[in-house]
Amino acid sequence: MSASTTATTSSTSTRGFWERLWRLSGINFVVFVIIAYVIYGYQPQVGASADALAAFYDGHRTRILIAAAFSGLNVLNLMWFAAALRTTLADAGQDGWGAAVTASSAALGGLFLLLITVGAALAYSIAGSGNSTLIAGLNDFAWACVVLTSFPRAMLIMAGTFGLWRAGLISNALFAAGVAALVLVLLSGTTWLSSGFWAPDGAYSRFVSPIIGLAWVLVVSRILLTRVPATRAGW
């Protein structure tokens, strides 16, 4: 075997390794979301008492900071998932939808980092200061940010779903499911009732919408993993 053949084989093998690694990022993202959620615990609701806020942020300081580290790492998984999806769409000639994937994932990642920062700051020192007004305000601010993440999440689902469908990589049934997921996630941006199921800290915003989004990520990750990479080096 010649040196050039060996180098080509090695390059192809390395490229295949990175392709598969980044296409696994969506699955890694879902796994880390679950881990971080379990570690972080149940955040106090909007309007929680000063004692409840202090008990959570000050009493569970260590686990909140550990969850912040996992969540920060998970933002990288989200970015790599979006990059793998964008490359796949570009290879299929859907650069416009790929650009929308990049833009929406960047906005979503920024909001996630803001949420992580608020939680970590409260646990690290703010909760111990005894300033109940500031603590309550930041806690409510975090819930408002959770609602606002619905819009970039919906855009990411829309860009990925329409792009994959236009590229012929998903069936009409999967396209319809993706559109349904888009609508249901977008609806969580209207959860502004003062309390109950349709509140910022209600079940729809806290559980239903995120689960739909995570399910979409898993389905798209499966599609990316079964897709044969283009000859052009993506990584």
C-alpha atoms as a PDB file:
ATOM      1  CA  MET A   1       0.000   0.000   0.000  1.00  0.00           C
ATOM      2  CA  SER A   2       1.453   3.379  -1.057  1.00  0.00           C
ATOM      3  CA  ALA A   3       1.932   6.279   1.288  1.00  0.00           C
ATOM      4  CA  SER A   4      -0.709   8.344  -0.559  1.00  0.00           C
ATOM      5  CA  THR A   5      -3.278   5.533  -0.258  1.00  0.00           C
ATOM      6  CA  THR A   6      -2.546   5.180   3.442  1.00  0.00           C
ATOM      7  CA  ALA A   7      -2.925   8.928   3.974  1.00  0.00           C
ATOM      8  CA  THR A   8      -6.229   8.963   2.050  1.00  0.00           C
ATOM      9  CA  THR A   9      -7.575   6.036   4.054  1.00  0.00           C
ATOM     10  CA  SER A  10      -6.520   7.683   7.313  1.00  0.00           C
ATOM     11  CA  SER A  11      -8.124  10.991   6.293  1.00  0.00           C
ATOM     12  CA  THR A  12     -11.387   9.256   5.368  1.00  0.00           C
ATOM     13  CA  SER A  13     -11.419   7.361   8.650  1.00  0.00           C
ATOM     14  CA  THR A  14     -10.780  10.520  10.658  1.00  0.00           C
ATOM     15  CA  ARG A  15     -13.471  12.407   8.764  1.00  0.00           C
ATOM     16  CA  GLY A  16     -15.933   9.575   9.387  1.00  0.00           C
ATOM     17  CA  PHE A  17     -15.135   9.626  13.105  1.00  0.00           C
ATOM     18  CA  TRP A  18     -15.820  13.349  13.420  1.00  0.00           C
ATOM     19  CA  GLU A  19     -18.955  13.094  11.271  1.00  0.00           C
ATOM     20  CA  ARG A  20     -20.440  10.458  13.546  1.00  0.00           C
ATOM     21  CA  LEU A  21     -19.317  12.232  16.723  1.00  0.00           C
ATOM     22  CA  TRP A  22     -21.003  15.525  15.808  1.00  0.00           C
ATOM     23  CA  ARG A  23     -24.116  13.772  14.531  1.00  0.00           C
ATOM     24  CA  LEU A  24     -24.389  12.148  17.960  1.00  0.00           C
ATOM     25  CA  SER A  25     -24.463  15.575  19.614  1.00  0.00           C
ATOM     26  CA  GLY A  26     -28.261  15.736  19.502  1.00  0.00           C
ATOM     27  CA  ILE A  27     -28.569  12.510  21.477  1.00  0.00           C
ATOM     28  CA  ASN A  28     -25.883  13.735  23.871  1.00  0.00           C
ATOM     29  CA  PHE A  29     -27.862  16.967  24.280  1.00  0.00           C
ATOM     30  CA  VAL A  30     -30.992  15.093  25.358  1.00  0.00           C
ATOM     31  CA  VAL A  31     -29.034  12.922  27.806  1.00  0.00           C
ATOM     32  CA  PHE A  32     -27.316  15.926  29.398  1.00  0.00           C
ATOM     33  CA  VAL A  33     -30.617  17.813  29.667  1.00  0.00           C
ATOM     34  CA  ILE A  34     -32.042  14.958  31.726  1.00  0.00           C
ATOM     35  CA  ILE A  35     -28.924  14.715  33.903  1.00  0.00           C
ATOM     36  CA  ALA A  36     -28.816  18.472  34.544  1.00  0.00           C
ATOM     37  CA  TYR A  37     -32.548  18.583  35.298  1.00  0.00           C
ATOM     38  CA  VAL A  38     -32.308  15.773  37.853  1.00  0.00           C
ATOM     39  CA  ILE A  39     -29.322  17.400  39.568  1.00  0.00           C
ATOM     40  CA  TYR A  40     -30.779  20.920  39.524  1.00  0.00           C
ATOM     41  CA  GLY A  41     -34.086  19.972  41.128  1.00  0.00           C
ATOM     42  CA  TYR A  42     -37.429  21.757  41.176  1.00  0.00           C
ATOM     43  CA  GLN A  43     -36.960  25.511  40.849  1.00  0.00           C
ATOM     44  CA  PRO A  44     -39.344  27.602  43.028  1.00  0.00           C
ATOM     45  CA  GLN A  45     -42.371  28.887  41.176  1.00  0.00           C
ATOM     46  CA  VAL A  46     -43.182  32.490  40.317  1.00  0.00           C
ATOM     47  CA  GLY A  47     -44.031  34.435  43.464  1.00  0.00           C
ATOM     48  CA  ALA A  48     -42.476  31.871  45.808  1.00  0.00           C
ATOM     49  CA  SER A  49     -41.869  32.941  49.405  1.00  0.00           C
ATOM     50  CA  ALA A  50     -38.505  34.246  50.566  1.00  0.00           C
ATOM     51  CA  ASP A  51     -38.000  31.157  52.708  1.00  0.00           C
ATOM     52  CA  ALA A  52     -38.645  28.825  49.767  1.00  0.00           C
ATOM     53  CA  LEU A  53     -36.232  30.738  47.557  1.00  0.00           C
ATOM     54  CA  ALA A  54     -33.487  30.754  50.192  1.00  0.00           C
ATOM     55  CA  ALA A  55     -34.007  27.072  50.926  1.00  0.00           C
ATOM     56  CA  PHE A  56     -33.580  26.189  47.246  1.00  0.00           C
ATOM     57  CA  TYR A  57     -30.804  28.482  46.046  1.00  0.00           C
ATOM     58  CA  ASP A  58     -28.790  28.681  49.255  1.00  0.00           C
ATOM     59  CA  GLY A  59     -29.616  25.245  50.641  1.00  0.00           C
ATOM     60  CA  HIS A  60     -28.853  23.410  47.375  1.00  0.00           C
ATOM     61  CA  ARG A  61     -25.946  25.579  46.270  1.00  0.00           C
ATOM     62  CA  THR A  62     -23.559  22.753  45.373  1.00  0.00           C
ATOM     63  CA  ARG A  63     -25.934  20.755  43.217  1.00  0.00           C
ATOM     64  CA  ILE A  64     -27.131  23.879  41.379  1.00  0.00           C
ATOM     65  CA  LEU A  65     -23.542  24.791  40.493  1.00  0.00           C
ATOM     66  CA  ILE A  66     -22.865  21.211  39.358  1.00  0.00           C
ATOM     67  CA  ALA A  67     -25.979  21.369  37.184  1.00  0.00           C
ATOM     68  CA  ALA A  68     -24.726  24.683  35.778  1.00  0.00           C
ATOM     69  CA  ALA A  69     -21.488  22.998  34.674  1.00  0.00           C
ATOM     70  CA  PHE A  70     -23.396  20.176  32.961  1.00  0.00           C
ATOM     71  CA  SER A  71     -25.767  22.662  31.341  1.00  0.00           C
ATOM     72  CA  GLY A  72     -22.929  24.854  30.077  1.00  0.00           C
ATOM     73  CA  LEU A  73     -21.308  21.806  28.493  1.00  0.00           C
ATOM     74  CA  ASN A  74     -24.652  20.896  26.989  1.00  0.00           C
ATOM     75  CA  VAL A  75     -24.846  24.213  25.148  1.00  0.00           C
ATOM     76  CA  LEU A  76     -21.850  22.936  23.177  1.00  0.00           C
ATOM     77  CA  ASN A  77     -23.805  19.784  22.301  1.00  0.00           C
ATOM     78  CA  LEU A  78     -26.643  21.974  21.029  1.00  0.00           C
ATOM     79  CA  MET A  79     -24.263  23.994  18.872  1.00  0.00           C
ATOM     80  CA  TRP A  80     -22.662  20.891  17.382  1.00  0.00           C
ATOM     81  CA  PHE A  81     -26.066  19.328  16.721  1.00  0.00           C
ATOM     82  CA  ALA A  82     -27.071  22.477  14.838  1.00  0.00           C
ATOM     83  CA  ALA A  83     -23.761  22.459  12.939  1.00  0.00           C
ATOM     84  CA  ALA A  84     -24.272  18.818  11.876  1.00  0.00           C
ATOM     85  CA  LEU A  85     -27.841  19.584  10.774  1.00  0.00           C
ATOM     86  CA  ARG A  86     -26.722  22.689   8.909  1.00  0.00           C
ATOM     87  CA  THR A  87     -23.978  20.739   7.082  1.00  0.00           C
ATOM     88  CA  THR A  88     -26.456  18.032   6.085  1.00  0.00           C
ATOM     89  CA  LEU A  89     -28.874  20.628   4.723  1.00  0.00           C
ATOM     90  CA  ALA A  90     -26.062  22.414   2.863  1.00  0.00           C
ATOM     91  CA  ASP A  91     -24.989  19.123   1.279  1.00  0.00           C
ATOM     92  CA  ALA A  92     -28.590  18.655   0.121  1.00  0.00           C
ATOM     93  CA  GLY A  93     -28.724  22.143  -1.404  1.00  0.00           C
ATOM     94  CA  GLN A  94     -30.839  23.692   1.359  1.00  0.00           C
ATOM     95  CA  ASP A  95     -28.396  26.391   2.484  1.00  0.00           C
ATOM     96  CA  GLY A  96     -31.158  28.849   3.383  1.00  0.00           C
ATOM     97  CA  TRP A  97     -32.773  26.502   5.884  1.00  0.00           C
ATOM     98  CA  GLY A  98     -29.295  25.610   7.127  1.00  0.00           C
ATOM     99  CA  ALA A  99     -28.577  29.273   7.846  1.00  0.00           C
ATOM    100  CA  ALA A 100     -31.875  29.475   9.764  1.00  0.00           C
ATOM    101  CA  VAL A 101     -30.756  26.487  11.850  1.00  0.00           C
ATOM    102  CA  THR A 102     -27.524  28.291  12.717  1.00  0.00           C
ATOM    103  CA  ALA A 103     -29.299  31.541  13.640  1.00  0.00           C
ATOM    104  CA  SER A 104     -31.977  29.906  15.789  1.00  0.00           C
ATOM    105  CA  SER A 105     -29.533  27.643  17.618  1.00  0.00           C
ATOM    106  CA  ALA A 106     -27.299  30.642  18.381  1.00  0.00           C
ATOM    107  CA  ALA A 107     -30.257  32.571  19.840  1.00  0.00           C
ATOM    108  CA  LEU A 108     -31.374  29.513  21.817  1.00  0.00           C
ATOM    109  CA  GLY A 109     -27.868  28.869  23.116  1.00  0.00           C
ATOM    110  CA  GLY A 110     -27.609  32.487  24.242  1.00  0.00           C
ATOM    111  CA  LEU A 111     -30.853  32.259  26.205  1.00  0.00           C
ATOM    112  CA  PHE A 112     -29.749  28.977  27.753  1.00  0.00           C
ATOM    113  CA  LEU A 113     -26.482  30.570  28.883  1.00  0.00           C
ATOM    114  CA  LEU A 114     -28.453  33.475  30.373  1.00  0.00           C
ATOM    115  CA  LEU A 115     -30.646  31.035  32.327  1.00  0.00           C
ATOM    116  CA  ILE A 116     -27.596  29.114  33.538  1.00  0.00           C
ATOM    117  CA  THR A 117     -25.934  32.367  34.618  1.00  0.00           C
ATOM    118  CA  VAL A 118     -28.958  33.527  36.623  1.00  0.00           C
ATOM    119  CA  GLY A 119     -29.297  30.212  38.447  1.00  0.00           C
ATOM    120  CA  ALA A 120     -25.581  29.937  39.153  1.00  0.00           C
ATOM    121  CA  ALA A 121     -25.345  33.542  40.395  1.00  0.00           C
ATOM    122  CA  LEU A 122     -28.294  33.058  42.741  1.00  0.00           C
ATOM    123  CA  ALA A 123     -26.773  29.902  44.186  1.00  0.00           C
ATOM    124  CA  TYR A 124     -23.202  31.183  44.296  1.00  0.00           C
ATOM    125  CA  SER A 125     -23.697  34.362  46.290  1.00  0.00           C
ATOM    126  CA  ILE A 126     -26.938  36.279  45.735  1.00  0.00           C
ATOM    127  CA  ALA A 127     -29.157  33.913  47.732  1.00  0.00           C
ATOM    128  CA  GLY A 128     -26.790  34.200  50.682  1.00  0.00           C
ATOM    129  CA  SER A 129     -27.008  37.979  50.703  1.00  0.00           C
ATOM    130  CA  GLY A 130     -30.508  37.942  52.170  1.00  0.00           C
ATOM    131  CA  ASN A 131     -31.876  40.388  49.596  1.00  0.00           C
ATOM    132  CA  SER A 132     -35.259  38.726  49.153  1.00  0.00           C
ATOM    133  CA  THR A 133     -36.536  41.268  46.617  1.00  0.00           C
ATOM    134  CA  LEU A 134     -33.593  40.714  44.280  1.00  0.00           C
ATOM    135  CA  ILE A 135     -33.771  36.934  44.685  1.00  0.00           C
ATOM    136  CA  ALA A 136     -37.501  36.868  43.908  1.00  0.00           C
ATOM    137  CA  GLY A 137     -37.036  39.160  40.916  1.00  0.00           C
ATOM    138  CA  LEU A 138     -34.277  37.025  39.385  1.00  0.00           C
ATOM    139  CA  ASN A 139     -36.247  33.836  39.996  1.00  0.00           C
ATOM    140  CA  ASP A 140     -39.274  35.278  38.182  1.00  0.00           C
ATOM    141  CA  PHE A 141     -36.961  36.602  35.445  1.00  0.00           C
ATOM    142  CA  ALA A 142     -35.656  33.066  34.900  1.00  0.00           C
ATOM    143  CA  TRP A 143     -39.187  31.751  34.399  1.00  0.00           C
ATOM    144  CA  ALA A 144     -39.871  34.529  31.877  1.00  0.00           C
ATOM    145  CA  CYS A 145     -36.742  33.504  29.974  1.00  0.00           C
ATOM    146  CA  VAL A 146     -37.974  29.897  29.911  1.00  0.00           C
ATOM    147  CA  VAL A 147     -41.113  31.082  28.109  1.00  0.00           C
ATOM    148  CA  LEU A 148     -39.109  33.192  25.667  1.00  0.00           C
ATOM    149  CA  THR A 149     -36.932  30.222  24.666  1.00  0.00           C
ATOM    150  CA  SER A 150     -40.060  28.901  22.934  1.00  0.00           C
ATOM    151  CA  PHE A 151     -39.466  31.182  19.943  1.00  0.00           C
ATOM    152  CA  PRO A 152     -35.905  30.140  18.971  1.00  0.00           C
ATOM    153  CA  ARG A 153     -36.834  26.523  19.785  1.00  0.00           C
ATOM    154  CA  ALA A 154     -39.762  26.775  17.378  1.00  0.00           C
ATOM    155  CA  MET A 155     -37.568  28.375  14.706  1.00  0.00           C
ATOM    156  CA  LEU A 156     -34.988  25.593  15.055  1.00  0.00           C
ATOM    157  CA  ILE A 157     -37.708  22.957  14.644  1.00  0.00           C
ATOM    158  CA  MET A 158     -39.164  24.802  11.662  1.00  0.00           C
ATOM    159  CA  ALA A 159     -35.815  25.250   9.903  1.00  0.00           C
ATOM    160  CA  GLY A 160     -34.778  21.644  10.456  1.00  0.00           C
ATOM    161  CA  THR A 161     -38.148  20.154   9.526  1.00  0.00           C
ATOM    162  CA  PHE A 162     -38.738  22.211   6.385  1.00  0.00           C
ATOM    163  CA  GLY A 163     -35.117  21.879   5.291  1.00  0.00           C
ATOM    164  CA  LEU A 164     -35.055  18.086   5.644  1.00  0.00           C
ATOM    165  CA  TRP A 165     -38.418  17.794   3.891  1.00  0.00           C
ATOM    166  CA  ARG A 166     -37.401  20.028   0.986  1.00  0.00           C
ATOM    167  CA  ALA A 167     -34.225  17.950   0.679  1.00  0.00           C
ATOM    168  CA  GLY A 168     -36.281  14.755   0.488  1.00  0.00           C
ATOM    169  CA  LEU A 169     -34.682  13.326   3.623  1.00  0.00           C
ATOM    170  CA  ILE A 170     -37.914  12.824   5.597  1.00  0.00           C
ATOM    171  CA  SER A 171     -41.354  11.525   4.667  1.00  0.00           C
ATOM    172  CA  ASN A 172     -44.538  13.565   4.519  1.00  0.00           C
ATOM    173  CA  ALA A 173     -45.640  11.906   7.770  1.00  0.00           C
ATOM    174  CA  LEU A 174     -42.488  13.023   9.576  1.00  0.00           C
ATOM    175  CA  PHE A 175     -42.885  16.475   8.056  1.00  0.00           C
ATOM    176  CA  ALA A 176     -46.431  16.689   9.438  1.00  0.00           C
ATOM    177  CA  ALA A 177     -45.172  15.572  12.854  1.00  0.00           C
ATOM    178  CA  GLY A 178     -42.477  18.244  12.699  1.00  0.00           C
ATOM    179  CA  VAL A 179     -45.014  20.944  11.865  1.00  0.00           C
ATOM    180  CA  ALA A 180     -47.177  19.786  14.784  1.00  0.00           C
ATOM    181  CA  ALA A 181     -44.137  19.976  17.082  1.00  0.00           C
ATOM    182  CA  LEU A 182     -43.414  23.482  15.770  1.00  0.00           C
ATOM    183  CA  VAL A 183     -46.944  24.685  16.583  1.00  0.00           C
ATOM    184  CA  LEU A 184     -47.010  23.072  20.037  1.00  0.00           C
ATOM    185  CA  VAL A 185     -43.630  24.526  21.015  1.00  0.00           C
ATOM    186  CA  LEU A 186     -44.569  27.945  19.644  1.00  0.00           C
ATOM    187  CA  LEU A 187     -47.739  27.892  21.759  1.00  0.00           C
ATOM    188  CA  SER A 188     -45.633  27.730  24.916  1.00  0.00           C
ATOM    189  CA  GLY A 189     -44.587  31.298  24.155  1.00  0.00           C
ATOM    190  CA  THR A 190     -48.099  32.365  25.178  1.00  0.00           C
ATOM    191  CA  THR A 191     -48.025  30.832  28.665  1.00  0.00           C
ATOM    192  CA  TRP A 192     -48.478  34.064  30.583  1.00  0.00           C
ATOM    193  CA  LEU A 193     -51.380  33.211  32.903  1.00  0.00           C
ATOM    194  CA  SER A 194     -50.718  34.044  36.539  1.00  0.00           C
ATOM    195  CA  SER A 195     -50.987  30.434  37.675  1.00  0.00           C
ATOM    196  CA  GLY A 196     -51.955  26.940  36.634  1.00  0.00           C
ATOM    197  CA  PHE A 197     -51.241  24.761  33.610  1.00  0.00           C
ATOM    198  CA  TRP A 198     -50.728  27.724  31.224  1.00  0.00           C
ATOM    199  CA  ALA A 199     -48.405  29.774  33.422  1.00  0.00           C
ATOM    200  CA  PRO A 200     -44.641  30.414  32.912  1.00  0.00           C
ATOM    201  CA  ASP A 201     -43.973  27.837  35.654  1.00  0.00           C
ATOM    202  CA  GLY A 202     -46.925  25.643  34.678  1.00  0.00           C
ATOM    203  CA  ALA A 203     -46.886  22.100  33.364  1.00  0.00           C
ATOM    204  CA  TYR A 204     -47.071  23.033  29.687  1.00  0.00           C
ATOM    205  CA  SER A 205     -44.085  25.372  29.789  1.00  0.00           C
ATOM    206  CA  ARG A 206     -42.124  23.180  32.203  1.00  0.00           C
ATOM    207  CA  PHE A 207     -42.772  19.701  30.811  1.00  0.00           C
ATOM    208  CA  VAL A 208     -44.929  19.412  27.671  1.00  0.00           C
ATOM    209  CA  SER A 209     -43.110  21.880  25.407  1.00  0.00           C
ATOM    210  CA  PRO A 210     -39.552  20.783  26.389  1.00  0.00           C
ATOM    211  CA  ILE A 211     -40.417  17.088  25.951  1.00  0.00           C
ATOM    212  CA  ILE A 212     -41.759  17.772  22.451  1.00  0.00           C
ATOM    213  CA  GLY A 213     -38.563  19.632  21.570  1.00  0.00           C
ATOM    214  CA  LEU A 214     -36.328  16.873  22.922  1.00  0.00           C
ATOM    215  CA  ALA A 215     -38.299  14.233  21.017  1.00  0.00           C
ATOM    216  CA  TRP A 216     -37.762  16.232  17.818  1.00  0.00           C
ATOM    217  CA  VAL A 217     -34.015  16.409  18.482  1.00  0.00           C
ATOM    218  CA  LEU A 218     -33.877  12.626  18.929  1.00  0.00           C
ATOM    219  CA  VAL A 219     -35.740  11.983  15.674  1.00  0.00           C
ATOM    220  CA  VAL A 220     -33.530  14.379  13.700  1.00  0.00           C
ATOM    221  CA  SER A 221     -30.396  12.905  15.284  1.00  0.00           C
ATOM    222  CA  ARG A 222     -31.495   9.477  14.080  1.00  0.00           C
ATOM    223  CA  ILE A 223     -31.928  10.864  10.567  1.00  0.00           C
ATOM    224  CA  LEU A 224     -28.482  12.482  10.668  1.00  0.00           C
ATOM    225  CA  LEU A 225     -26.856   9.246  11.811  1.00  0.00           C
ATOM    226  CA  THR A 226     -28.418   7.243   8.975  1.00  0.00           C
ATOM    227  CA  ARG A 227     -27.553   9.856   6.362  1.00  0.00           C
ATOM    228  CA  VAL A 228     -24.473   9.021   4.270  1.00  0.00           C
ATOM    229  CA  PRO A 229     -22.074  12.013   4.445  1.00  0.00           C
ATOM    230  CA  ALA A 230     -21.297  13.818   1.216  1.00  0.00           C
ATOM    231  CA  THR A 231     -17.934  13.357  -0.462  1.00  0.00           C
ATOM    232  CA  ARG A 232     -17.047  16.926   0.466  1.00  0.00           C
ATOM    233  CA  ALA A 233     -15.394  17.079   3.867  1.00  0.00           C
ATOM    234  CA  GLY A 234     -17.827  18.636   6.323  1.00  0.00           C
ATOM    235  CA  TRP A 235     -15.368  18.735   9.237  1.00  0.00           C
END
